Amino acid sequence: MTECAIVLAAGENRRMGSVEGVSLPKSLLPIRQEDAPSAAALPGSAGEHTSFMSRHLELFRSIGVERTFVVVSPAGLPWFEPFGKDDGVELVVVDTPGEERTGSSVSMLAGLRAALAWRPQGARTLVTDADIVYERGVLDRIVAESAAGAGARLSVVKRVSGDSEEVRVYGLSADQPLLIGKGMTDAMTQGLSLLGESLGLIALDASTAKLAAEITEWIVGDPPERRPYGYSGRLSEHEEVWQYLFTLGVLELTEFPGSLLFSECDFPEDYRAIREGLFPQIARGDELKEKAGPLLRRG
């Protein structure tokens, strides 16, 4: 089973900006069409509507995740405090000196350290971006692979849109991914197969979770005691960690078909598409699966 989850929710929301005059952490925006963004406009209202974050937590509970670590910025903490009252949810505040800007690797390191403090021997860990939404079947697949003894897996969808923020994965096969990144040219990928777009959802087995923490600490350092060795230091994004795991041969792919109901929310137009089209489809699918569950169990 997946023992813990880490949700990376400390971003500054620079690309998204305000929505309908409302400015708050992106993962707290309502994703149901009937909930106006203004419904989430006050700190303390986070649990009162279906948002990216509340859906993550609902899905994690449904698959038996014991502890979810939500990584937030100091400025964002008041918005997320209602979730910290939930059993099994721990808010982790990224500790950055002064006004230092950092990449998502620093946030992930905070989450991995919290998970290892909770379970020092390592745990099966799901790491996810906060601003994604997907159908429930994604986690069903991850749970099934975990039960079958799968190692670390990065989830990808076998389609690409050409979006400038799309994180693409290239390699020889799902068992041998080699490159991950944005904006890579044909010359850079040297004929490798385009395997799909990363969902921003990574399942780590216990040993790879510990390895990922060590690699991330090496990349970003631990100022002022340790020097960062990554190419971008503390501005490194967490995809750089997956690149190292690809190189070491300890991270494979879970591939989902191009028909998968999934989206990341980078820009206001993404948010509109999620609320008006994608999430209603996801909700209908969830409802049908819920109704089918008792029938399948009786069968």
Protein backbone atom coordinates (compact mmCIF):
# COMPACT_ATOMS: atom_id res chain seq x y z
CA MET A 1 0.00 0.00 0.00
CA THR A 2 0.98 3.65 -0.30
CA GLU A 3 1.86 4.69 3.25
CA CYS A 4 2.28 8.44 2.83
CA ALA A 5 1.83 11.23 0.31
CA ILE A 6 3.65 14.52 -0.20
CA VAL A 7 1.75 17.38 -1.85
CA LEU A 8 3.90 20.24 -3.16
CA ALA A 9 1.80 23.36 -2.51
CA ALA A 10 4.39 26.06 -1.77
CA GLY A 11 4.43 27.68 -5.22
CA GLU A 12 4.06 31.44 -5.65
CA ASN A 13 1.31 31.26 -8.27
CA ARG A 14 3.18 33.60 -10.62
CA ARG A 15 1.82 32.22 -13.90
CA MET A 16 -1.76 31.93 -12.71
CA GLY A 17 -2.22 35.28 -10.99
CA SER A 18 -5.63 36.22 -9.64
CA VAL A 19 -8.85 34.57 -10.85
CA GLU A 20 -12.01 36.69 -11.01
CA GLY A 21 -10.30 39.13 -8.69
CA VAL A 22 -9.42 36.40 -6.19
CA SER A 23 -5.78 35.80 -5.31
CA LEU A 24 -4.98 32.74 -3.20
CA PRO A 25 -2.92 29.54 -3.47
CA LYS A 26 -3.88 27.87 -6.73
CA SER A 27 -4.52 24.45 -5.18
CA LEU A 28 -7.32 25.97 -3.05
CA LEU A 29 -9.34 27.26 -6.00
CA PRO A 30 -12.75 25.55 -6.38
CA ILE A 31 -12.89 23.06 -9.26
CA ARG A 32 -16.66 22.52 -9.33
CA GLN A 33 -18.44 24.87 -11.71
CA GLU A 34 -21.09 25.70 -9.12
CA ASP A 35 -18.50 27.02 -6.64
CA ALA A 36 -17.31 30.55 -7.40
CA PRO A 37 -13.64 31.39 -6.75
CA SER A 38 -14.84 34.02 -4.28
CA ALA A 39 -16.07 31.12 -2.11
CA ALA A 40 -12.44 30.41 -1.27
CA ALA A 41 -11.37 34.02 -0.83
CA LEU A 42 -11.01 34.01 2.96
CA PRO A 43 -8.42 32.11 5.00
CA GLY A 44 -10.23 29.42 6.95
CA SER A 45 -12.67 28.51 4.17
CA ALA A 46 -10.37 25.93 2.56
CA GLY A 47 -12.37 22.85 3.53
CA GLU A 48 -15.76 24.21 2.49
CA HIS A 49 -15.62 23.46 -1.24
CA THR A 50 -14.07 20.97 -3.65
CA SER A 51 -10.62 22.24 -4.60
CA PHE A 52 -7.52 20.66 -6.10
CA MET A 53 -6.25 20.14 -2.55
CA SER A 54 -9.42 18.75 -1.00
CA ARG A 55 -9.72 16.27 -3.87
CA HIS A 56 -6.13 15.09 -3.35
CA LEU A 57 -6.84 14.46 0.32
CA GLU A 58 -10.14 12.70 -0.42
CA LEU A 59 -8.47 10.36 -2.91
CA PHE A 60 -5.54 9.63 -0.61
CA ARG A 61 -7.91 8.70 2.21
CA SER A 62 -9.81 6.40 -0.16
CA ILE A 63 -6.68 4.32 -0.89
CA GLY A 64 -5.60 4.08 2.74
CA VAL A 65 -2.76 6.61 2.86
CA GLU A 66 -1.75 6.89 6.52
CA ARG A 67 -0.14 10.35 6.48
CA THR A 68 -0.21 13.20 3.97
CA PHE A 69 2.42 15.93 4.18
CA VAL A 70 1.27 19.18 2.57
CA VAL A 71 4.27 21.42 1.88
CA VAL A 72 3.41 25.13 2.03
CA SER A 73 5.19 28.47 2.13
CA PRO A 74 5.19 30.64 5.28
CA ALA A 75 2.92 33.15 3.51
CA GLY A 76 0.55 30.40 2.39
CA LEU A 77 0.26 28.68 5.76
CA PRO A 78 -2.87 30.56 6.99
CA TRP A 79 -4.78 29.44 3.90
CA PHE A 80 -4.00 25.75 4.49
CA GLU A 81 -4.45 25.60 8.27
CA PRO A 82 -7.97 24.08 8.09
CA PHE A 83 -6.48 21.00 6.40
CA GLY A 84 -3.93 20.63 9.19
CA LYS A 85 -6.81 19.83 11.55
CA ASP A 86 -7.62 16.65 9.60
CA ASP A 87 -6.44 13.34 11.02
CA GLY A 88 -3.48 12.10 9.03
CA VAL A 89 -2.59 15.48 7.49
CA GLU A 90 0.56 17.37 8.48
CA LEU A 91 1.43 20.83 7.19
CA VAL A 92 5.14 21.27 6.44
CA VAL A 93 6.36 24.86 6.12
CA VAL A 94 9.32 25.41 3.80
CA ASP A 95 12.04 27.12 5.81
CA THR A 96 13.76 29.62 3.49
CA PRO A 97 16.02 32.42 4.72
CA GLY A 98 14.57 35.90 4.24
CA GLU A 99 13.16 36.53 0.78
CA GLU A 100 15.10 33.71 -0.89
CA ARG A 101 13.43 32.29 -4.01
CA THR A 102 13.66 28.53 -4.38
CA GLY A 103 12.61 25.83 -6.79
CA SER A 104 10.29 22.92 -6.10
CA SER A 105 13.21 20.67 -5.11
CA VAL A 106 13.50 22.62 -1.85
CA SER A 107 9.80 22.01 -1.17
CA MET A 108 10.14 18.32 -1.99
CA LEU A 109 13.11 17.99 0.34
CA ALA A 110 11.03 19.45 3.17
CA GLY A 111 8.33 16.88 2.47
CA LEU A 112 10.74 13.95 2.20
CA ARG A 113 12.45 14.94 5.44
CA ALA A 114 9.10 15.11 7.22
CA ALA A 115 8.18 11.68 5.85
CA LEU A 116 11.50 10.21 7.00
CA ALA A 117 11.10 11.77 10.44
CA TRP A 118 7.73 10.02 10.61
CA ARG A 119 9.07 6.71 9.27
CA PRO A 120 12.90 6.67 9.35
CA GLN A 121 13.20 3.36 7.51
CA GLY A 122 11.41 4.88 4.53
CA ALA A 123 7.87 4.36 3.32
CA ARG A 124 6.01 3.85 0.08
CA THR A 125 5.49 7.48 -0.81
CA LEU A 126 3.41 9.30 -3.40
CA VAL A 127 4.80 12.70 -4.43
CA THR A 128 2.43 14.99 -6.32
CA ASP A 129 2.15 18.51 -7.62
CA ALA A 130 -0.73 20.33 -5.94
CA ASP A 131 -2.26 21.83 -9.09
CA ILE A 132 -3.29 18.66 -10.95
CA VAL A 133 -6.61 16.85 -11.24
CA TYR A 134 -7.21 13.35 -12.58
CA GLU A 135 -9.71 10.52 -12.55
CA ARG A 136 -9.84 8.15 -9.59
CA GLY A 137 -8.61 5.20 -11.66
CA VAL A 138 -5.09 6.66 -11.68
CA LEU A 139 -4.62 5.88 -8.00
CA ASP A 140 -6.31 2.49 -8.39
CA ARG A 141 -3.59 1.60 -10.91
CA ILE A 142 -0.80 2.88 -8.65
CA VAL A 143 -2.18 0.88 -5.69
CA ALA A 144 -2.37 -2.29 -7.81
CA GLU A 145 1.23 -1.87 -8.97
CA SER A 146 2.36 -1.25 -5.41
CA ALA A 147 0.59 -4.41 -4.22
CA ALA A 148 2.38 -6.34 -6.96
CA GLY A 149 5.74 -5.13 -5.62
CA ALA A 150 6.54 -2.46 -8.21
CA GLY A 151 9.49 -0.18 -7.60
CA ALA A 152 9.50 3.57 -8.13
CA ARG A 153 7.24 4.76 -10.96
CA LEU A 154 6.61 8.13 -12.60
CA SER A 155 3.13 8.39 -14.11
CA VAL A 156 2.88 9.68 -17.69
CA VAL A 157 0.00 10.15 -20.11
CA LYS A 158 0.63 9.10 -23.70
CA ARG A 159 -0.27 12.41 -25.30
CA VAL A 160 1.27 15.85 -25.63
CA SER A 161 -0.30 19.21 -26.40
CA GLY A 162 2.68 21.43 -27.13
CA ASP A 163 2.02 23.58 -24.06
CA SER A 164 5.17 25.48 -23.06
CA GLU A 165 4.88 24.17 -19.49
CA GLU A 166 4.47 20.53 -20.52
CA VAL A 167 7.03 18.24 -18.85
CA ARG A 168 7.88 15.55 -21.39
CA VAL A 169 9.58 12.20 -20.87
CA TYR A 170 11.82 10.56 -23.49
CA GLY A 171 13.51 7.19 -23.54
CA LEU A 172 13.68 3.71 -25.02
CA SER A 173 10.61 2.27 -23.27
CA ALA A 174 8.52 2.56 -20.11
CA ASP A 175 11.16 0.41 -18.42
CA GLN A 176 13.97 2.67 -19.60
CA PRO A 177 13.11 6.39 -19.50
CA LEU A 178 16.16 8.57 -20.02
CA LEU A 179 15.23 12.26 -20.20
CA ILE A 180 12.68 14.55 -18.57
CA GLY A 181 12.18 18.25 -19.16
CA LYS A 182 10.40 21.12 -20.88
CA GLY A 183 11.12 22.48 -24.35
CA MET A 184 13.55 19.78 -25.48
CA THR A 185 14.38 19.83 -29.21
CA ASP A 186 14.87 16.87 -31.54
CA ALA A 187 18.60 17.54 -31.49
CA MET A 188 18.61 17.27 -27.71
CA THR A 189 16.62 14.03 -27.57
CA GLN A 190 18.71 12.33 -30.28
CA GLY A 191 15.98 10.11 -31.68
CA LEU A 192 14.67 8.88 -28.32
CA SER A 193 10.98 8.02 -28.24
CA LEU A 194 8.62 10.59 -26.76
CA LEU A 195 6.97 8.50 -24.05
CA GLY A 196 4.44 11.09 -22.88
CA GLU A 197 3.74 13.97 -20.53
CA SER A 198 4.53 13.64 -16.84
CA LEU A 199 1.44 13.77 -14.63
CA GLY A 200 3.49 15.23 -11.78
CA LEU A 201 2.67 12.08 -9.80
CA ILE A 202 5.49 9.81 -8.61
CA ALA A 203 5.23 6.62 -6.56
CA LEU A 204 8.41 5.83 -4.61
CA ASP A 205 9.14 2.57 -2.82
CA ALA A 206 10.74 2.90 0.62
CA SER A 207 14.38 2.60 -0.49
CA THR A 208 13.96 5.00 -3.41
CA ALA A 209 12.22 7.53 -1.16
CA LYS A 210 15.34 7.58 1.02
CA LEU A 211 17.57 7.83 -2.06
CA ALA A 212 15.46 10.68 -3.47
CA ALA A 213 15.87 12.58 -0.18
CA GLU A 214 19.65 12.15 -0.29
CA ILE A 215 19.88 13.23 -3.94
CA THR A 216 17.64 16.24 -3.33
CA GLU A 217 19.69 17.33 -0.33
CA TRP A 218 22.84 17.05 -2.46
CA ILE A 219 21.23 19.14 -5.23
CA VAL A 220 19.93 21.99 -3.06
CA GLY A 221 22.24 21.84 -0.03
CA ASP A 222 21.20 22.76 3.46
CA PRO A 223 22.31 26.40 3.93
CA PRO A 224 24.42 27.54 5.53
CA GLU A 225 25.92 24.19 6.55
CA ARG A 226 26.06 22.49 3.16
CA ARG A 227 26.90 23.62 -0.33
CA PRO A 228 24.31 22.91 -3.07
CA TYR A 229 25.79 20.79 -5.86
CA GLY A 230 22.90 20.81 -8.35
CA TYR A 231 23.29 22.86 -11.53
CA SER A 232 20.63 25.31 -10.37
CA GLY A 233 21.23 24.85 -6.66
CA ARG A 234 18.24 25.90 -4.61
CA LEU A 235 16.39 27.04 -7.73
CA SER A 236 16.30 23.43 -9.00
CA GLU A 237 12.91 21.95 -9.87
CA HIS A 238 12.01 18.51 -8.56
CA GLU A 239 12.11 17.02 -12.08
CA GLU A 240 15.90 17.21 -11.77
CA VAL A 241 15.68 14.54 -9.07
CA TRP A 242 13.72 12.24 -11.38
CA GLN A 243 16.42 12.75 -14.03
CA TYR A 244 19.03 11.42 -11.59
CA LEU A 245 16.80 8.44 -10.77
CA PHE A 246 16.38 7.73 -14.51
CA THR A 247 20.16 7.78 -14.89
CA LEU A 248 20.56 5.35 -11.99
CA GLY A 249 17.95 3.03 -13.51
CA VAL A 250 15.71 3.03 -10.44
CA LEU A 251 12.69 4.96 -11.79
CA GLU A 252 10.40 3.49 -14.45
CA LEU A 253 7.10 4.70 -15.91
CA THR A 254 3.46 3.92 -15.41
CA GLU A 255 1.83 4.76 -18.74
CA PHE A 256 -1.76 5.95 -19.06
CA PRO A 257 -3.64 6.21 -22.38
CA GLY A 258 -4.13 9.52 -24.15
CA SER A 259 -7.83 9.37 -23.25
CA LEU A 260 -7.02 9.81 -19.55
CA LEU A 261 -8.98 12.57 -17.83
CA PHE A 262 -6.14 14.67 -16.46
CA SER A 263 -4.92 18.26 -16.44
CA GLU A 264 -2.36 20.46 -14.78
CA CYS A 265 -3.41 24.02 -14.00
CA ASP A 266 -0.72 26.48 -15.10
CA PHE A 267 -2.74 29.33 -16.59
CA PRO A 268 -6.23 30.89 -16.21
CA GLU A 269 -7.38 29.14 -19.40
CA ASP A 270 -6.42 25.78 -17.86
CA TYR A 271 -8.53 26.59 -14.81
CA ARG A 272 -11.55 27.47 -16.95
CA ALA A 273 -11.21 24.25 -18.95
CA ILE A 274 -10.99 22.19 -15.76
CA ARG A 275 -14.07 23.75 -14.16
CA GLU A 276 -16.24 23.90 -17.27
CA GLY A 277 -15.36 20.62 -18.96
CA LEU A 278 -12.84 18.27 -17.41
CA PHE A 279 -13.91 18.08 -13.77
CA PRO A 280 -17.61 17.52 -14.59
CA GLN A 281 -16.48 14.51 -16.65
CA ILE A 282 -14.27 13.28 -13.83
CA ALA A 283 -17.08 13.68 -11.28
CA ARG A 284 -19.50 11.72 -13.48
CA GLY A 285 -16.93 8.95 -13.89
CA ASP A 286 -16.32 8.83 -10.13
CA GLU A 287 -20.06 8.55 -9.52
CA LEU A 288 -20.43 5.68 -12.00
CA LYS A 289 -17.47 3.86 -10.47
CA GLU A 290 -18.93 4.33 -6.98
CA LYS A 291 -22.26 2.85 -8.12
CA ALA A 292 -20.54 -0.04 -9.87
CA GLY A 293 -18.42 -0.87 -6.82
CA PRO A 294 -21.09 -2.77 -4.84
CA LEU A 295 -22.15 -4.67 -7.98
CA LEU A 296 -18.56 -5.70 -8.70
CA ARG A 297 -18.07 -6.80 -5.09
CA ARG A 298 -21.26 -8.92 -5.20
CA GLY A 299 -20.19 -10.41 -8.54
